[in-house]
Amino acid sequence: MSGTRALFASIGASVSLVAAAALSLLAVSAVFAFGGWSDPVAESVRQSALVIGADDAQARTAERAPIVLAPRPSAPARRASPPARSAPP
């Protein structure tokens, strides 16, 4: 009888933990899906993003000289370690 009682108790605890995890996942995904909690004060204070036109970006890249890196020196070759010897019988 005590084994059955312990089984039902562990199943009940497992189900409640899974339900709590599912609800927390639902709440977190809802926050990410809708961009956070709505806040009327934050909406009025938000700033617009900085947008750079395509012409400005091309002009900036044309002004700079390309960076050329020196070739990376190769690593010295490693010798394989000899196989481990077992003790004589």
Protein backbone atom coordinates (compact mmCIF):
# COMPACT_ATOMS: atom_id res chain seq x y z
CA MET A 1 0.00 0.00 0.00
CA SER A 2 2.81 2.43 0.82
CA GLY A 3 4.44 1.79 -2.57
CA THR A 4 1.28 2.80 -4.40
CA ARG A 5 0.91 5.86 -2.23
CA ALA A 6 4.51 6.92 -2.95
CA LEU A 7 3.95 6.32 -6.67
CA PHE A 8 0.93 8.60 -6.77
CA ALA A 9 2.79 11.24 -4.76
CA SER A 10 5.77 11.23 -7.13
CA ILE A 11 3.49 11.33 -10.19
CA GLY A 12 1.61 14.27 -8.70
CA ALA A 13 4.83 16.14 -7.99
CA SER A 14 6.13 15.44 -11.49
CA VAL A 15 2.92 16.63 -13.13
CA SER A 16 2.93 19.85 -11.11
CA LEU A 17 6.58 20.54 -12.03
CA VAL A 18 5.90 19.94 -15.72
CA ALA A 19 2.83 22.18 -15.59
CA ALA A 20 4.82 24.97 -13.90
CA ALA A 21 7.57 24.69 -16.51
CA ALA A 22 5.05 24.82 -19.36
CA LEU A 23 3.31 27.88 -17.91
CA SER A 24 6.60 29.71 -17.36
CA LEU A 25 7.67 28.90 -20.93
CA LEU A 26 4.35 30.24 -22.19
CA ALA A 27 4.75 33.46 -20.20
CA VAL A 28 8.35 34.04 -21.35
CA SER A 29 7.51 33.31 -24.99
CA ALA A 30 4.55 35.71 -24.83
CA VAL A 31 6.83 38.47 -23.51
CA PHE A 32 9.33 37.90 -26.33
CA ALA A 33 6.64 37.55 -28.99
CA PHE A 34 4.96 40.84 -28.14
CA GLY A 35 8.14 42.83 -27.41
CA GLY A 36 7.90 43.03 -23.63
CA TRP A 37 5.25 44.26 -21.22
CA SER A 38 3.28 47.21 -22.49
CA ASP A 39 4.15 50.44 -20.71
CA PRO A 40 2.45 53.69 -21.82
CA VAL A 41 5.25 55.86 -20.42
CA ALA A 42 7.95 53.93 -22.27
CA GLU A 43 6.10 54.33 -25.58
CA SER A 44 6.29 58.13 -25.41
CA VAL A 45 9.98 58.16 -24.48
CA ARG A 46 11.20 55.74 -27.16
CA GLN A 47 13.66 57.08 -29.67
CA SER A 48 13.78 56.19 -33.32
CA ALA A 49 16.65 54.11 -34.65
CA LEU A 50 19.59 55.65 -36.47
CA VAL A 51 19.33 54.88 -40.18
CA ILE A 52 22.31 55.35 -42.50
CA GLY A 53 21.58 55.59 -46.19
CA ALA A 54 23.24 53.26 -48.70
CA ASP A 55 25.14 56.18 -50.29
CA ASP A 56 26.72 57.11 -46.96
CA ALA A 57 27.82 53.55 -46.32
CA GLN A 58 29.48 53.25 -49.73
CA ALA A 59 31.30 56.55 -49.28
CA ARG A 60 32.67 55.44 -45.90
CA THR A 61 34.00 52.14 -47.20
CA ALA A 62 35.61 53.80 -50.24
CA GLU A 63 37.59 56.21 -48.04
CA ARG A 64 39.32 53.48 -46.02
CA ALA A 65 42.18 51.38 -47.32
CA PRO A 66 41.76 47.62 -46.98
CA ILE A 67 43.49 45.91 -44.07
CA VAL A 68 45.93 43.22 -45.12
CA LEU A 69 47.03 40.71 -42.50
CA ALA A 70 50.34 38.87 -42.58
CA PRO A 71 50.09 35.13 -43.10
CA ARG A 72 49.86 33.14 -39.90
CA PRO A 73 52.98 31.09 -39.14
CA SER A 74 52.38 27.37 -39.20
CA ALA A 75 52.56 25.44 -35.96
CA PRO A 76 55.47 23.04 -35.51
CA ALA A 77 54.65 19.43 -36.29
CA ARG A 78 53.86 17.32 -33.25
CA ARG A 79 55.33 13.92 -32.89
CA ALA A 80 53.02 11.15 -31.85
CA SER A 81 53.77 9.78 -28.42
CA PRO A 82 54.88 6.15 -28.33
CA PRO A 83 52.21 3.64 -27.33
CA ALA A 84 52.02 2.85 -23.65
CA ARG A 85 53.80 -0.31 -22.68
CA SER A 86 52.19 -2.78 -20.39
CA ALA A 87 54.10 -4.30 -17.51
CA PRO A 88 55.68 -7.68 -18.24
CA PRO A 89 53.76 -10.65 -16.85
